[in-house]
Structure formats: structure tokens, C-alpha cells
Amino acid sequence: MTVSFETAIAQFEPELPLAVGFSGGADSTALLVACARKWPREVVAVHVNHGLQAMASVFEQHCQLVCAELSVELFVCKVDAKHRPGQSPEDAARRARYAAFDEVIRSGRITHSIKSIALAQHADDQIETILLALSRGSGVAGVSGMPAKWTRNGHVFFRPLLQVSSIDVRAWLRSCGVEHIEDPSNADVRFTRNYIRGTLTPVLETVFPQFRDTFARSAMHAAQANDLLDELAEIDAQTVCGGAFQDPAIRLIQQLSPARQSNFLRHWLKRRYGVVPTTAQLNELRRLVQACTTRGHNIHLKVGHGHVMRNGMVLAWHHPNDLC
């Protein structure tokens, strides 16, 4: 399943013009250099300054120098990536990055009409994602890892290096003689990803030399299973609420089997409201739905940053601001 860096770039055919997420690290530098060489004057770089490190300004200056050498237009976004209580720093930074991409494209600052965005996560990043999902007890959606292609706010995102090992990415970059920077936070083992990268991945490589391929195959199977569950949820949504973007009738949810209830409710909350319940929340919600047999029965359950509530004969999710 793993391929060489050159093969991955040769197979990457996004709609142009293309924006590349550029941190200045080895992976994003390799991706930017390769894309700029393959599509001259059709590539721009977007650097997100999270403002979380003393070196942030140094990273930004380095990116400016690299882009100048490549004759690539660079756009810098300064964001507030501080995490909220109960939110992981990694999740806060990720959300800030996507919001920055949205803002840059929406603002019209980019002279190109961007069609696609490429991010530099590779096969080792995918392994870390899968291991983290397993450690959290995730279902098939989590175990399927990061998608290689998806759409967000009308723009297509790609991860063209998901089948390329970190070693191969860095070897290719060294052969180009292009400088990159090392983020000192990558050595901080307080972050679980870094601990996996420095401690667990080398052990896996020793015990299971082909683990990148076998993990990728498992992720592919999980992704296929998740697609089937989504298709089933869409079928149930047509029966229960006339589509995933409507609120469902409680009595019709009750007619589904327990497994289909859980699958439908998870899918409905994500599609309709953009929230993902925990396993405990989902089990409690299903219990409340099953117990709802009288007009006076109340449902009020916290899910995400809002609440699932009974609204007459249907379920609905309400943001706290909606209740003010």
C-alpha cells in the first residue's frame, strides 16, 4: 500500500489552481516544492501562524524565504489557536487551521481562484491517527483514519502523501537540497502523537515490518464499513424524518433495531447539527427515546456544546444560544 514520494506526486491530479498548507516543516516543504515544480504558477502556499510558540515568527520568516525562492505566492494567517476547557490543543489548532483556509479563500486575498487544497499528512501520521482512535475506543469512522480526499465549504481537500512514509518524504526533500525547519514541540512527549512517533512506531517497525501496509488495509476496510453504515443511516433517515437534515419522529426511531437506532442518531446529529455524541451519550439518548411513550415524557440530554431535546413528537438539538 505504501508508495514512493515520486509516485504519490505523479498520481496526484487535483483541479488547479492549488493551495498547499505550508508550515515550513519537512513534510509540507516537500509537498510544496513538488507541487510548485509540477504546476508552475498554479500553486500558492498558506501558512497558519498559531501564535503558540516563541518561534512562530521565525517559522513565518522561513516560509517567506522558501516561497520567494520557489516563486510561490505565500499567504500568512494569524489565528488564535488556544484550546477551550475540555478541548485538546491539537483539536483547537486543527480547527483554527481550517478556519484560516476558509477565511483566506473567502476574503479574496488570493489572486488565483483556488479549486483545491493539499495537506501534507503522510503514512506515519495516518498510523498515529488510527492508534489514537483505537486507544479512545472509536468505531469504524475513527479507525478508518484520515481521508485522502474530502470536501469542505465547497472546496476539495487532498492528502496526497497518505501512502508515503515519513522516511521517504524526508529522503526526497534531502535530495532537493531545500531547507526546512524542525518544530521543537514535535519532541514534546506530553503530546500523545509525539510519544507514539518516538516510542511506539519504532517498536511496531521492528515487530511488524509491514505495519504501514497492514494498518492502511485495515483503515480501508473500516472506511468501507463506515460508508455502508452511512448509506444505511440515509435509508433510515428517509423513513424516520424524510431526510438527514430534518428532525426525526420519536415513534419512528423506536421502530428501528437498537443498532440501527444508534447508527441513525449518530448520523443525524452529525449531518444535521455538526455534533458527534460520545458512546455514553448515544446509549443514554437511545434509552431516553425508548422510554418516551407518553406526551409528558421529557428528553433533555447534553451532547456536544448543546442539548438534544424533545420538541413535540420529534427530537431536536439546540445550541445554548437558541434557548436564551
Protein backbone atom coordinates (compact mmCIF):
# COMPACT_ATOMS: atom_id res chain seq x y z
CA MET A 1 0.00 0.00 0.00
CA THR A 2 2.90 2.40 0.62
CA VAL A 3 4.33 4.11 -2.44
CA SER A 4 7.33 6.31 -3.14
CA PHE A 5 7.11 10.08 -2.83
CA GLU A 6 7.62 10.46 -6.58
CA THR A 7 4.80 8.01 -7.35
CA ALA A 8 2.40 9.79 -5.00
CA ILE A 9 3.08 13.16 -6.65
CA ALA A 10 2.79 11.65 -10.13
CA GLN A 11 -0.63 10.21 -9.20
CA PHE A 12 -1.84 13.47 -7.64
CA GLU A 13 -4.07 15.28 -10.13
CA PRO A 14 -6.13 17.96 -8.36
CA GLU A 15 -8.13 20.64 -10.11
CA LEU A 16 -5.96 23.75 -10.39
CA PRO A 17 -5.14 26.30 -9.05
CA LEU A 18 -3.94 24.58 -5.88
CA ALA A 19 -3.26 25.89 -2.37
CA VAL A 20 -0.76 23.99 -0.22
CA GLY A 21 -0.79 24.15 3.57
CA PHE A 22 2.78 25.17 4.42
CA SER A 23 4.16 25.06 7.96
CA GLY A 24 7.83 25.14 6.95
CA GLY A 25 8.42 21.61 8.28
CA ALA A 26 9.85 18.77 6.22
CA ASP A 27 6.57 17.26 5.06
CA SER A 28 4.82 20.43 3.91
CA THR A 29 8.06 21.73 2.37
CA ALA A 30 8.44 18.56 0.30
CA LEU A 31 4.82 18.77 -0.83
CA LEU A 32 5.07 22.45 -1.74
CA VAL A 33 8.33 22.01 -3.67
CA ALA A 34 6.98 19.04 -5.61
CA CYS A 35 3.68 20.76 -6.46
CA ALA A 36 5.39 24.02 -7.45
CA ARG A 37 7.67 22.09 -9.79
CA LYS A 38 4.82 20.08 -11.31
CA TRP A 39 2.47 23.06 -11.75
CA PRO A 40 4.47 26.31 -12.07
CA ARG A 41 2.42 29.47 -11.38
CA GLU A 42 -0.60 27.33 -10.45
CA VAL A 43 0.30 26.85 -6.77
CA VAL A 44 0.04 29.15 -3.74
CA ALA A 45 1.09 28.47 -0.14
CA VAL A 46 -0.91 29.16 3.01
CA HIS A 47 0.97 29.44 6.31
CA VAL A 48 -1.02 29.46 9.56
CA ASN A 49 0.73 31.27 12.41
CA HIS A 50 -0.86 29.76 15.53
CA GLY A 51 0.94 32.17 17.83
CA LEU A 52 1.51 29.40 20.35
CA GLN A 53 5.31 29.36 20.31
CA ALA A 54 8.10 31.86 20.70
CA MET A 55 9.46 30.57 17.37
CA ALA A 56 6.24 31.37 15.47
CA SER A 57 7.70 34.49 13.85
CA VAL A 58 10.83 32.55 12.85
CA PHE A 59 8.68 29.88 11.17
CA GLU A 60 6.80 32.58 9.27
CA GLN A 61 10.01 34.27 8.07
CA HIS A 62 11.40 30.92 6.94
CA CYS A 63 8.25 30.22 4.92
CA GLN A 64 8.55 33.62 3.25
CA LEU A 65 12.13 32.85 2.20
CA VAL A 66 11.30 29.41 0.81
CA CYS A 67 8.32 30.72 -1.15
CA ALA A 68 10.41 33.55 -2.57
CA GLU A 69 12.96 31.02 -3.82
CA LEU A 70 10.20 28.90 -5.36
CA SER A 71 8.38 31.93 -6.84
CA VAL A 72 5.26 30.83 -5.00
CA GLU A 73 2.75 33.33 -3.62
CA LEU A 74 2.50 33.00 0.19
CA PHE A 75 -0.46 33.93 2.38
CA VAL A 76 0.02 34.12 6.14
CA CYS A 77 -2.92 33.75 8.53
CA LYS A 78 -2.51 34.64 12.19
CA VAL A 79 -5.02 32.77 14.35
CA ASP A 80 -5.88 32.30 17.99
CA ALA A 81 -5.42 28.56 18.48
CA LYS A 82 -5.71 28.44 22.28
CA HIS A 83 -7.83 25.48 23.35
CA ARG A 84 -11.00 25.78 25.40
CA PRO A 85 -11.61 23.80 28.62
CA GLY A 86 -12.21 20.17 27.69
CA GLN A 87 -10.69 20.62 24.23
CA SER A 88 -7.33 19.16 23.23
CA PRO A 89 -4.63 21.57 21.99
CA GLU A 90 -4.32 19.52 18.80
CA ASP A 91 -8.05 19.81 18.06
CA ALA A 92 -8.03 23.56 18.72
CA ALA A 93 -5.07 24.05 16.37
CA ARG A 94 -6.67 21.91 13.68
CA ARG A 95 -9.95 23.83 13.81
CA ALA A 96 -8.04 27.11 13.68
CA ARG A 97 -6.15 25.95 10.57
CA TYR A 98 -9.31 25.01 8.69
CA ALA A 99 -10.96 28.28 9.67
CA ALA A 100 -7.87 30.09 8.36
CA PHE A 101 -8.11 28.31 5.00
CA ASP A 102 -11.78 29.24 4.77
CA GLU A 103 -11.05 32.87 5.61
CA VAL A 104 -8.17 33.25 3.12
CA ILE A 105 -10.19 31.77 0.28
CA ARG A 106 -13.35 33.73 1.17
CA SER A 107 -11.56 37.04 1.64
CA GLY A 108 -10.40 37.27 -1.96
CA ARG A 109 -6.80 37.89 -0.89
CA ILE A 110 -5.65 35.09 -3.19
CA THR A 111 -5.47 36.28 -6.77
CA HIS A 112 -5.99 32.71 -8.03
CA SER A 113 -9.46 31.18 -7.87
CA ILE A 114 -8.46 28.25 -5.69
CA LYS A 115 -10.05 24.94 -6.64
CA SER A 116 -8.16 22.52 -4.38
CA ILE A 117 -6.18 22.46 -1.12
CA ALA A 118 -3.40 19.96 -0.36
CA LEU A 119 -2.20 18.99 3.10
CA ALA A 120 0.99 17.09 3.86
CA GLN A 121 -0.02 14.33 6.28
CA HIS A 122 1.75 11.09 5.40
CA ALA A 123 1.54 7.35 6.18
CA ASP A 124 3.09 7.72 9.64
CA ASP A 125 0.59 10.43 10.54
CA GLN A 126 -2.16 8.04 9.46
CA ILE A 127 -0.78 5.31 11.72
CA GLU A 128 -0.78 7.71 14.68
CA THR A 129 -4.38 8.71 13.92
CA ILE A 130 -5.51 5.07 13.83
CA LEU A 131 -3.70 4.21 17.07
CA LEU A 132 -5.22 7.23 18.81
CA ALA A 133 -8.68 6.19 17.59
CA LEU A 134 -8.19 2.65 18.90
CA SER A 135 -6.96 3.95 22.25
CA ARG A 136 -10.16 6.02 22.58
CA GLY A 137 -12.47 3.14 21.71
CA SER A 138 -13.54 4.72 18.42
CA GLY A 139 -15.81 2.95 15.96
CA VAL A 140 -15.18 2.32 12.28
CA ALA A 141 -15.27 6.05 11.47
CA GLY A 142 -12.27 6.68 13.73
CA VAL A 143 -10.36 3.55 12.75
CA SER A 144 -10.70 4.47 9.07
CA GLY A 145 -8.22 7.27 9.78
CA MET A 146 -7.85 10.45 7.79
CA PRO A 147 -9.49 10.61 4.35
CA ALA A 148 -7.29 11.17 1.32
CA LYS A 149 -9.93 13.46 -0.21
CA TRP A 150 -12.94 15.33 1.14
CA THR A 151 -15.00 18.46 0.54
CA ARG A 152 -15.39 21.34 2.98
CA ASN A 153 -17.36 24.51 2.26
CA GLY A 154 -17.30 23.83 -1.46
CA HIS A 155 -13.53 23.26 -1.72
CA VAL A 156 -11.83 19.92 -2.25
CA PHE A 157 -9.08 18.96 0.21
CA PHE A 158 -6.43 16.35 -0.56
CA ARG A 159 -3.82 14.42 1.41
CA PRO A 160 -1.70 13.09 -1.46
CA LEU A 161 1.07 11.68 0.80
CA LEU A 162 -1.01 9.32 2.96
CA GLN A 163 0.67 6.31 1.33
CA VAL A 164 4.20 7.71 1.68
CA SER A 165 6.34 7.03 4.75
CA SER A 166 7.92 9.90 6.67
CA ILE A 167 11.35 8.45 5.90
CA ASP A 168 10.70 8.60 2.16
CA VAL A 169 9.33 12.16 2.34
CA ARG A 170 12.45 13.39 4.13
CA ALA A 171 14.78 11.44 1.83
CA TRP A 172 13.22 13.10 -1.22
CA LEU A 173 13.49 16.54 0.39
CA ARG A 174 17.18 15.99 1.19
CA SER A 175 17.80 15.09 -2.44
CA CYS A 176 16.39 18.51 -3.41
CA GLY A 177 18.68 20.40 -1.04
CA VAL A 178 15.80 22.55 0.23
CA GLU A 179 15.98 23.73 3.84
CA HIS A 180 13.17 23.07 6.31
CA ILE A 181 12.60 23.82 9.98
CA GLU A 182 12.02 21.44 12.87
CA ASP A 183 9.21 22.35 15.22
CA PRO A 184 10.60 21.86 18.76
CA SER A 185 7.14 20.91 20.03
CA ASN A 186 7.37 17.71 17.95
CA ALA A 187 9.81 16.35 20.54
CA ASP A 188 7.47 17.06 23.46
CA VAL A 189 6.24 13.63 24.60
CA ARG A 190 3.47 15.22 26.65
CA PHE A 191 1.61 15.17 23.35
CA THR A 192 0.40 11.63 22.70
CA ARG A 193 1.16 11.77 18.98
CA ASN A 194 4.79 12.59 19.69
CA TYR A 195 5.06 9.75 22.18
CA ILE A 196 3.62 7.32 19.64
CA ARG A 197 6.02 8.63 16.97
CA GLY A 198 9.11 8.38 19.15
CA THR A 199 8.37 5.23 21.15
CA LEU A 200 5.63 3.05 19.69
CA THR A 201 6.23 3.39 15.95
CA PRO A 202 9.86 2.12 16.13
CA VAL A 203 8.64 -0.94 18.08
CA LEU A 204 5.93 -1.64 15.51
CA GLU A 205 8.52 -1.37 12.75
CA THR A 206 10.70 -3.95 14.49
CA VAL A 207 7.92 -6.43 15.32
CA PHE A 208 5.73 -5.90 12.22
CA PRO A 209 7.93 -4.54 9.39
CA GLN A 210 4.93 -4.23 7.06
CA PHE A 211 2.72 -2.47 9.61
CA ARG A 212 2.18 0.63 7.46
CA ASP A 213 0.66 -1.52 4.72
CA THR A 214 -1.44 -3.69 7.04
CA PHE A 215 -2.72 -0.73 9.06
CA ALA A 216 -3.62 1.06 5.82
CA ARG A 217 -5.53 -2.02 4.67
CA SER A 218 -7.46 -2.15 7.96
CA ALA A 219 -8.23 1.57 7.64
CA MET A 220 -9.55 0.96 4.11
CA HIS A 221 -11.83 -1.84 5.34
CA ALA A 222 -13.08 0.38 8.18
CA ALA A 223 -13.75 3.22 5.74
CA GLN A 224 -15.80 0.90 3.52
CA ALA A 225 -17.78 -0.31 6.54
CA ASN A 226 -18.38 3.29 7.60
CA ASP A 227 -19.65 4.15 4.12
CA LEU A 228 -22.14 1.28 4.38
CA LEU A 229 -23.31 2.50 7.80
CA ASP A 230 -23.79 6.00 6.37
CA GLU A 231 -25.82 4.56 3.48
CA LEU A 232 -27.99 2.62 5.93
CA ALA A 233 -28.47 5.75 8.06
CA GLU A 234 -29.56 7.70 4.97
CA ILE A 235 -32.13 4.99 4.17
CA ASP A 236 -33.44 5.14 7.74
CA ALA A 237 -33.45 8.95 7.62
CA GLN A 238 -35.86 8.90 4.70
CA THR A 239 -38.25 6.78 6.75
CA VAL A 240 -37.79 8.41 10.14
CA CYS A 241 -37.62 12.09 9.19
CA GLY A 242 -37.79 12.49 5.42
CA GLY A 243 -34.02 13.10 5.16
CA ALA A 244 -30.94 13.56 7.35
CA PHE A 245 -31.49 17.33 7.56
CA GLN A 246 -34.93 17.07 9.19
CA ASP A 247 -35.73 16.31 12.83
CA PRO A 248 -36.88 12.70 13.39
CA ALA A 249 -40.18 11.41 14.73
CA ILE A 250 -39.60 9.67 18.06
CA ARG A 251 -42.11 6.87 17.43
CA LEU A 252 -40.39 6.01 14.13
CA ILE A 253 -36.95 5.87 15.76
CA GLN A 254 -38.42 3.39 18.25
CA GLN A 255 -39.30 1.03 15.41
CA LEU A 256 -35.63 0.61 14.44
CA SER A 257 -33.44 -2.10 15.99
CA PRO A 258 -31.10 -0.87 18.78
CA ALA A 259 -28.04 -0.95 16.49
CA ARG A 260 -29.86 0.97 13.75
CA GLN A 261 -31.14 3.50 16.30
CA SER A 262 -27.58 4.23 17.41
CA ASN A 263 -26.33 4.40 13.84
CA PHE A 264 -29.16 6.70 12.75
CA LEU A 265 -28.94 9.03 15.77
CA ARG A 266 -25.17 9.43 15.40
CA HIS A 267 -25.51 10.15 11.68
CA TRP A 268 -28.44 12.58 12.16
CA LEU A 269 -26.65 14.62 14.85
CA LYS A 270 -23.50 14.88 12.74
CA ARG A 271 -25.22 15.70 9.45
CA ARG A 272 -27.95 17.97 10.80
CA TYR A 273 -26.09 19.78 13.57
CA GLY A 274 -22.38 19.00 13.20
CA VAL A 275 -22.05 17.39 16.64
CA VAL A 276 -20.74 13.91 17.46
CA PRO A 277 -22.06 12.18 20.60
CA THR A 278 -19.87 10.04 22.81
CA THR A 279 -20.76 6.37 23.22
CA ALA A 280 -22.18 7.07 26.67
CA GLN A 281 -24.31 9.95 25.35
CA LEU A 282 -25.56 7.86 22.45
CA ASN A 283 -26.54 4.97 24.72
CA GLU A 284 -28.35 7.33 27.09
CA LEU A 285 -30.14 9.05 24.21
CA ARG A 286 -31.35 5.71 22.88
CA ARG A 287 -32.59 4.77 26.38
CA LEU A 288 -34.49 8.06 26.65
CA VAL A 289 -36.04 7.60 23.22
CA GLN A 290 -37.19 4.07 24.06
CA ALA A 291 -38.73 5.29 27.32
CA CYS A 292 -40.59 8.14 25.61
CA THR A 293 -44.10 6.62 25.41
CA THR A 294 -46.28 9.40 26.84
CA ARG A 295 -46.91 13.00 25.78
CA GLY A 296 -45.47 14.35 29.02
CA HIS A 297 -42.19 12.45 28.83
CA ASN A 298 -39.24 14.83 28.72
CA ILE A 299 -35.92 14.38 26.87
CA HIS A 300 -33.05 16.71 27.73
CA LEU A 301 -29.51 15.40 27.17
CA LYS A 302 -26.25 17.28 26.75
CA VAL A 303 -24.47 16.38 23.52
CA GLY A 304 -21.52 18.41 22.31
CA HIS A 305 -21.97 22.06 23.30
CA GLY A 306 -25.78 21.85 23.23
CA HIS A 307 -28.68 19.58 24.18
CA VAL A 308 -30.88 17.01 22.47
CA MET A 309 -34.47 17.76 23.47
CA ARG A 310 -37.96 16.59 22.73
CA ASN A 311 -39.87 19.07 20.60
CA GLY A 312 -43.42 17.81 20.44
CA MET A 313 -43.25 14.45 18.71
CA VAL A 314 -39.75 14.89 17.28
CA LEU A 315 -36.18 15.14 18.52
CA ALA A 316 -34.11 18.29 18.02
CA TRP A 317 -30.69 19.53 19.08
CA HIS A 318 -30.45 23.05 20.48
CA HIS A 319 -27.42 25.29 20.85
CA PRO A 320 -27.33 27.12 24.24
CA ASN A 321 -27.87 30.44 22.44
CA ASP A 322 -31.09 29.09 20.95
CA LEU A 323 -32.56 28.79 24.45
CA CYS A 324 -31.83 32.35 25.56
